[in-house]
N, C-alpha and C. Protein backbone atom coordinates (compact mmCIF):
# COMPACT_ATOMS: atom_id res chain seq x y z
N GLN A 1 -69.96 63.14 63.36
CA GLN A 1 -70.31 62.19 62.20
C GLN A 1 -70.50 60.45 62.46
N VAL A 2 -71.68 60.25 61.83
CA VAL A 2 -71.62 58.67 62.49
C VAL A 2 -71.05 58.23 60.69
N GLN A 3 -70.69 56.54 61.57
CA GLN A 3 -70.23 55.29 60.56
C GLN A 3 -70.39 54.53 61.49
N LEU A 4 -71.10 53.74 60.06
CA LEU A 4 -71.52 52.23 60.22
C LEU A 4 -70.80 51.05 59.55
N VAL A 5 -70.78 50.05 60.94
CA VAL A 5 -69.91 49.08 60.18
C VAL A 5 -70.83 47.53 60.11
N GLU A 6 -71.47 46.66 58.88
CA GLU A 6 -71.78 45.71 58.70
C GLU A 6 -70.56 44.42 59.14
N SER A 7 -71.56 43.62 59.67
CA SER A 7 -70.78 42.34 60.11
C SER A 7 -71.73 41.11 59.84
N GLY A 8 -71.10 39.88 59.75
CA GLY A 8 -72.03 38.52 59.98
C GLY A 8 -71.88 38.26 59.07
N GLY A 9 -71.62 38.58 57.92
CA GLY A 9 -72.47 37.91 56.31
C GLY A 9 -71.53 36.97 56.69
N GLY A 10 -71.34 35.86 55.33
CA GLY A 10 -70.86 34.71 55.40
C GLY A 10 -71.84 33.53 54.31
N LEU A 11 -71.28 32.19 54.36
CA LEU A 11 -71.89 31.18 53.37
C LEU A 11 -72.79 30.84 54.32
N ALA A 12 -74.12 30.34 54.06
CA ALA A 12 -75.29 29.51 54.62
C ALA A 12 -75.81 28.59 53.94
N GLN A 13 -76.56 27.65 54.31
CA GLN A 13 -77.30 26.59 53.45
C GLN A 13 -78.35 27.12 53.72
N ALA A 14 -79.44 26.99 52.53
CA ALA A 14 -80.83 26.84 52.05
C ALA A 14 -81.49 26.14 54.09
N GLY A 15 -82.08 27.28 54.49
CA GLY A 15 -82.85 26.97 55.30
C GLY A 15 -81.80 27.01 56.85
N GLY A 16 -80.84 27.98 56.70
CA GLY A 16 -80.09 28.04 58.12
C GLY A 16 -80.20 29.27 58.47
N SER A 17 -79.12 29.64 58.94
CA SER A 17 -79.70 31.59 59.51
C SER A 17 -78.36 32.27 59.78
N LEU A 18 -78.29 33.25 59.73
CA LEU A 18 -77.23 34.25 59.84
C LEU A 18 -77.81 35.56 60.50
N ARG A 19 -76.93 35.80 61.44
CA ARG A 19 -77.04 37.49 62.27
C ARG A 19 -76.28 37.70 62.01
N LEU A 20 -76.56 39.49 61.23
CA LEU A 20 -75.97 40.47 60.92
C LEU A 20 -76.04 41.68 62.02
N SER A 21 -74.58 42.19 61.95
CA SER A 21 -74.50 43.19 62.95
C SER A 21 -74.31 44.58 62.60
N CYS A 22 -75.07 45.66 62.92
CA CYS A 22 -74.46 47.05 62.05
C CYS A 22 -73.88 47.85 63.29
N ALA A 23 -72.89 48.23 63.57
CA ALA A 23 -72.34 48.80 64.53
C ALA A 23 -71.88 50.13 64.19
N ALA A 24 -72.77 51.19 65.24
CA ALA A 24 -72.45 52.65 65.10
C ALA A 24 -71.35 53.47 65.75
N SER A 25 -71.07 54.60 65.62
CA SER A 25 -69.37 55.31 66.16
C SER A 25 -70.07 56.80 65.67
N GLY A 26 -70.00 57.58 66.75
CA GLY A 26 -70.27 58.96 66.65
C GLY A 26 -71.73 59.26 67.06
N ARG A 27 -72.61 58.72 66.90
CA ARG A 27 -73.87 58.75 67.57
C ARG A 27 -74.54 57.22 68.57
N ALA A 28 -75.54 57.76 69.49
CA ALA A 28 -76.74 56.02 69.42
C ALA A 28 -77.19 55.88 68.33
N THR A 29 -76.97 55.03 68.29
CA THR A 29 -78.56 54.31 67.34
C THR A 29 -79.93 54.53 68.23
N ASP A 30 -80.15 54.47 69.47
CA ASP A 30 -81.40 54.63 69.58
C ASP A 30 -82.06 55.58 69.78
N THR A 31 -81.39 56.61 69.02
CA THR A 31 -82.12 57.91 68.64
C THR A 31 -82.25 57.82 67.34
N TYR A 32 -81.82 57.01 66.24
CA TYR A 32 -82.19 57.19 64.83
C TYR A 32 -82.70 56.02 64.51
N ALA A 33 -83.45 55.99 63.56
CA ALA A 33 -83.92 54.73 62.44
C ALA A 33 -83.17 54.08 62.19
N VAL A 34 -82.73 52.82 61.83
CA VAL A 34 -81.73 52.13 61.30
C VAL A 34 -82.72 51.34 60.40
N ALA A 35 -82.10 51.01 58.94
CA ALA A 35 -82.76 49.98 58.10
C ALA A 35 -82.16 49.18 57.18
N TRP A 36 -82.34 48.06 57.21
CA TRP A 36 -81.36 47.17 56.45
C TRP A 36 -81.70 46.92 55.02
N PHE A 37 -81.04 47.34 54.01
CA PHE A 37 -81.06 46.93 52.29
C PHE A 37 -80.39 46.28 51.96
N ARG A 38 -80.85 45.58 50.94
CA ARG A 38 -79.64 44.35 49.78
C ARG A 38 -79.75 44.72 48.63
N GLN A 39 -79.05 44.34 47.84
CA GLN A 39 -78.48 44.11 46.28
C GLN A 39 -78.00 43.30 46.08
N ALA A 40 -78.25 42.27 45.35
CA ALA A 40 -78.12 41.32 44.71
C ALA A 40 -77.24 41.83 43.06
N PRO A 41 -76.78 41.12 42.80
CA PRO A 41 -75.88 41.60 41.05
C PRO A 41 -77.09 41.51 40.03
N GLY A 42 -76.96 42.75 39.69
CA GLY A 42 -78.34 43.23 38.54
C GLY A 42 -79.07 43.57 38.96
N LYS A 43 -79.56 43.56 40.01
CA LYS A 43 -80.90 43.75 40.83
C LYS A 43 -80.94 45.48 41.28
N GLU A 44 -82.02 46.37 41.40
CA GLU A 44 -82.22 47.48 42.22
C GLU A 44 -81.91 46.95 44.20
N ARG A 45 -80.94 47.81 44.14
CA ARG A 45 -81.29 47.95 46.44
C ARG A 45 -82.58 48.12 46.48
N ALA A 46 -82.92 46.96 47.67
CA ALA A 46 -84.17 46.70 47.74
C ALA A 46 -84.16 46.56 49.26
N PHE A 47 -85.89 47.15 50.22
CA PHE A 47 -85.76 46.95 51.79
C PHE A 47 -85.78 45.82 52.25
N VAL A 48 -84.77 45.86 53.14
CA VAL A 48 -85.51 44.08 53.91
C VAL A 48 -86.06 44.68 55.44
N ALA A 49 -85.98 45.58 56.39
CA ALA A 49 -86.39 45.65 57.15
C ALA A 49 -85.63 47.00 58.02
N ALA A 50 -86.46 47.40 58.91
CA ALA A 50 -85.74 48.80 60.00
C ALA A 50 -86.61 49.28 60.87
N ILE A 51 -85.75 49.38 61.95
CA ILE A 51 -86.43 49.93 63.31
C ILE A 51 -86.65 51.19 63.57
N GLY A 52 -87.56 51.82 64.24
CA GLY A 52 -87.65 53.07 64.44
C GLY A 52 -87.10 53.54 65.25
N TRP A 53 -87.46 54.60 65.68
CA TRP A 53 -86.20 55.32 67.23
C TRP A 53 -86.99 55.81 68.26
N SER A 54 -88.59 54.84 68.23
CA SER A 54 -89.16 54.98 69.65
C SER A 54 -89.93 54.18 69.39
N GLY A 55 -90.24 53.30 70.44
CA GLY A 55 -91.25 52.20 70.83
C GLY A 55 -90.31 51.13 70.18
N ASP A 56 -89.66 51.28 69.52
CA ASP A 56 -89.13 50.10 68.81
C ASP A 56 -90.17 49.08 67.91
N SER A 57 -90.56 50.16 67.31
CA SER A 57 -91.57 49.71 66.14
C SER A 57 -90.33 48.83 65.07
N THR A 58 -91.10 48.00 64.25
CA THR A 58 -90.08 47.08 62.94
C THR A 58 -91.27 47.28 62.05
N HIS A 59 -90.34 46.79 60.94
CA HIS A 59 -90.84 47.05 59.21
C HIS A 59 -90.19 45.99 58.42
N TYR A 60 -91.09 45.13 57.96
CA TYR A 60 -90.30 44.11 57.27
C TYR A 60 -90.83 44.21 55.90
N ALA A 61 -90.02 43.75 54.69
CA ALA A 61 -90.42 43.30 53.35
C ALA A 61 -91.13 42.41 53.02
N ASP A 62 -92.64 42.40 53.10
CA ASP A 62 -93.11 41.35 52.85
C ASP A 62 -92.29 39.82 52.09
N SER A 63 -90.93 40.00 51.42
CA SER A 63 -90.39 38.61 51.04
C SER A 63 -89.62 38.09 52.77
N VAL A 64 -89.30 38.66 53.71
CA VAL A 64 -88.60 38.71 54.70
C VAL A 64 -89.59 38.27 55.70
N LYS A 65 -90.74 38.86 55.77
CA LYS A 65 -91.71 39.22 57.17
C LYS A 65 -91.51 36.98 57.76
N ASP A 66 -91.39 37.30 58.94
CA ASP A 66 -91.66 36.01 59.65
C ASP A 66 -90.59 35.34 59.49
N ARG A 67 -89.49 35.48 58.86
CA ARG A 67 -88.39 35.30 58.61
C ARG A 67 -86.83 35.49 59.34
N PHE A 68 -87.33 36.96 59.12
CA PHE A 68 -85.69 37.96 59.53
C PHE A 68 -86.10 38.87 60.90
N THR A 69 -85.58 38.94 62.13
CA THR A 69 -86.03 39.57 63.22
C THR A 69 -85.07 41.13 63.34
N ILE A 70 -85.43 42.16 63.13
CA ILE A 70 -84.72 43.62 63.67
C ILE A 70 -84.74 44.34 64.97
N SER A 71 -83.52 44.06 65.55
CA SER A 71 -83.86 44.38 66.87
C SER A 71 -82.35 44.84 67.27
N ARG A 72 -82.55 45.72 68.10
CA ARG A 72 -81.00 46.57 69.07
C ARG A 72 -80.31 45.74 69.95
N ASP A 73 -79.21 46.19 70.11
CA ASP A 73 -78.18 46.05 71.25
C ASP A 73 -77.40 47.36 71.71
N LYS A 74 -78.36 48.10 72.58
CA LYS A 74 -78.24 48.95 72.66
C LYS A 74 -76.82 49.35 73.74
N ASP A 75 -76.50 48.51 74.62
CA ASP A 75 -74.94 48.30 75.27
C ASP A 75 -73.67 48.65 73.96
N LYS A 76 -74.14 47.96 72.90
CA LYS A 76 -72.86 47.69 71.91
C LYS A 76 -73.40 48.84 70.70
N ASN A 77 -74.52 49.70 71.11
CA ASN A 77 -74.72 50.31 70.51
C ASN A 77 -74.95 50.25 68.38
N ALA A 78 -75.47 49.13 68.45
CA ALA A 78 -76.01 48.32 67.56
C ALA A 78 -77.30 47.48 67.17
N VAL A 79 -77.32 47.30 65.90
CA VAL A 79 -78.83 46.88 65.38
C VAL A 79 -78.54 45.46 64.67
N LEU A 80 -79.36 44.58 65.13
CA LEU A 80 -78.81 43.42 64.64
C LEU A 80 -80.29 43.29 63.34
N LEU A 81 -79.98 42.09 62.92
CA LEU A 81 -80.64 41.51 62.11
C LEU A 81 -80.20 40.04 61.48
N GLN A 82 -81.35 39.43 62.82
CA GLN A 82 -81.54 37.76 62.38
C GLN A 82 -82.50 37.46 61.96
N MET A 83 -81.52 36.61 60.88
CA MET A 83 -82.33 35.50 59.49
C MET A 83 -82.01 34.49 59.84
N ASN A 84 -83.31 33.78 59.98
CA ASN A 84 -83.52 32.29 59.33
C ASN A 84 -84.23 31.69 58.12
N ASP A 85 -84.67 30.55 58.00
CA ASP A 85 -84.85 30.12 56.89
C ASP A 85 -84.68 30.98 55.84
N LEU A 86 -83.01 30.72 55.78
CA LEU A 86 -82.71 31.50 54.44
C LEU A 86 -82.90 30.48 52.87
N THR A 87 -83.20 31.17 52.20
CA THR A 87 -83.25 30.94 50.89
C THR A 87 -82.76 31.53 49.71
N LEU A 88 -82.41 30.82 48.78
CA LEU A 88 -81.58 31.73 47.93
C LEU A 88 -81.65 32.51 47.21
N GLU A 89 -82.96 33.43 47.52
CA GLU A 89 -82.96 34.41 46.94
C GLU A 89 -82.90 35.68 48.14
N ASP A 90 -82.19 34.73 49.31
CA ASP A 90 -81.70 35.72 50.01
C ASP A 90 -80.44 36.56 49.72
N THR A 91 -79.66 35.78 48.90
CA THR A 91 -78.02 36.20 48.10
C THR A 91 -77.68 37.43 48.43
N ALA A 92 -77.40 37.98 48.88
CA ALA A 92 -76.89 39.23 48.57
C ALA A 92 -76.19 39.94 49.63
N ALA A 93 -75.64 41.47 48.56
CA ALA A 93 -74.77 42.53 49.70
C ALA A 93 -76.04 42.85 50.59
N TYR A 94 -75.69 43.38 52.26
CA TYR A 94 -76.41 43.57 52.70
C TYR A 94 -76.09 45.04 53.17
N TYR A 95 -76.92 45.74 53.70
CA TYR A 95 -76.68 47.34 54.43
C TYR A 95 -77.32 47.54 54.85
N CYS A 96 -76.54 48.49 56.19
CA CYS A 96 -77.60 49.14 57.40
C CYS A 96 -77.35 50.59 56.60
N ALA A 97 -78.15 51.56 57.16
CA ALA A 97 -78.26 53.21 56.77
C ALA A 97 -79.19 53.51 57.78
N ALA A 98 -78.87 54.40 58.46
CA ALA A 98 -79.95 55.88 59.05
C ALA A 98 -79.78 56.91 58.38
N PRO A 99 -80.57 57.65 58.62
CA PRO A 99 -81.31 59.10 58.13
C PRO A 99 -79.96 60.38 58.94
N TYR A 100 -79.93 61.00 58.87
CA TYR A 100 -79.05 62.12 58.96
C TYR A 100 -79.98 62.91 60.16
N ILE A 101 -81.73 63.04 59.81
CA ILE A 101 -81.89 63.58 60.96
C ILE A 101 -82.69 62.50 61.82
N PRO A 102 -82.42 62.67 63.50
CA PRO A 102 -82.79 61.77 64.32
C PRO A 102 -84.22 62.02 64.70
N LYS A 103 -84.67 60.84 65.15
CA LYS A 103 -86.45 61.00 65.44
C LYS A 103 -87.23 61.19 64.50
N TRP A 104 -86.58 60.46 63.25
CA TRP A 104 -87.38 60.57 62.19
C TRP A 104 -87.65 58.88 61.15
N TYR A 105 -88.64 58.37 60.90
CA TYR A 105 -88.36 57.19 60.67
C TYR A 105 -88.49 57.73 58.56
N PRO A 106 -87.65 57.33 57.77
CA PRO A 106 -87.33 57.88 56.46
C PRO A 106 -88.23 56.82 55.17
N GLY A 107 -88.48 55.57 55.80
CA GLY A 107 -90.03 54.61 55.06
C GLY A 107 -88.78 53.47 54.38
N THR A 108 -89.17 53.15 53.35
CA THR A 108 -88.41 52.16 52.52
C THR A 108 -87.70 52.12 51.90
N GLN A 109 -87.35 53.80 50.88
CA GLN A 109 -86.78 54.05 49.84
C GLN A 109 -85.47 54.63 50.54
N TRP A 110 -83.99 53.21 49.54
CA TRP A 110 -83.04 53.87 49.90
C TRP A 110 -82.33 54.98 49.66
N LYS A 111 -82.80 55.80 48.94
CA LYS A 111 -82.41 57.51 48.51
C LYS A 111 -82.74 58.16 50.23
N ASP A 112 -83.49 57.97 50.51
CA ASP A 112 -84.32 59.05 52.08
C ASP A 112 -83.12 58.78 53.13
N TYR A 113 -82.06 57.38 52.63
CA TYR A 113 -81.01 57.71 54.48
C TYR A 113 -79.76 58.27 53.83
N ASP A 114 -79.10 58.46 54.48
CA ASP A 114 -77.62 59.19 54.64
C ASP A 114 -76.54 58.49 55.24
N HIS A 115 -76.61 58.27 55.92
CA HIS A 115 -75.42 57.53 56.29
C HIS A 115 -75.14 55.95 55.89
N TRP A 116 -74.30 55.13 55.39
CA TRP A 116 -74.44 53.88 54.50
C TRP A 116 -72.91 52.96 55.58
N GLY A 117 -73.36 51.94 56.00
CA GLY A 117 -72.08 51.08 56.04
C GLY A 117 -71.13 50.05 54.94
N GLN A 118 -70.19 49.78 54.42
CA GLN A 118 -70.07 48.94 53.76
C GLN A 118 -70.23 47.90 52.57
N GLY A 119 -71.32 47.47 53.64
CA GLY A 119 -72.13 46.21 53.31
C GLY A 119 -70.82 44.42 54.12
N THR A 120 -71.84 43.78 54.33
CA THR A 120 -71.39 42.69 54.03
C THR A 120 -72.12 41.49 53.40
N GLN A 121 -71.38 40.38 52.65
CA GLN A 121 -72.00 39.61 51.66
C GLN A 121 -72.55 38.50 52.41
N VAL A 122 -73.69 38.06 51.85
CA VAL A 122 -74.69 36.81 52.41
C VAL A 122 -74.72 36.16 50.89
N THR A 123 -74.32 34.70 50.97
CA THR A 123 -74.70 33.74 50.24
C THR A 123 -75.13 32.39 50.80
N VAL A 124 -76.26 32.28 50.14
CA VAL A 124 -77.13 31.01 50.43
C VAL A 124 -76.54 30.06 49.20
N SER A 125 -76.13 28.69 50.05
CA SER A 125 -76.47 27.84 49.16
C SER A 125 -77.08 26.44 49.12
N SER A 126 -77.95 26.08 48.27
CA SER A 126 -78.84 24.98 48.10
C SER A 126 -78.06 23.77 48.90
């Protein structure tokens, strides 16, 4: 059974940077697609970025394109999310997720993912 643990959240100023990590236990992340979602108070859970299971293909929401970068750290069995040029709108709880089936990219809808971490809070101030 897979377990996902997010870390790296915290407080940052607008224009600053944070790096989030999604560490997995129970299976290797390089055989599964992994996605990041975020949810602000009173808002729907929204897609942020994802990395595929083959060829390291990546996907980004328009709101974070060219600012966030998703990548794999295979030695640590983790997926990283480098967040640059942070804005107030990036404030949210961030979650990583993976599907039950390996070698499959579910897409951008949170309901299509099966395994979730507990989340890490990102707060951006002016």
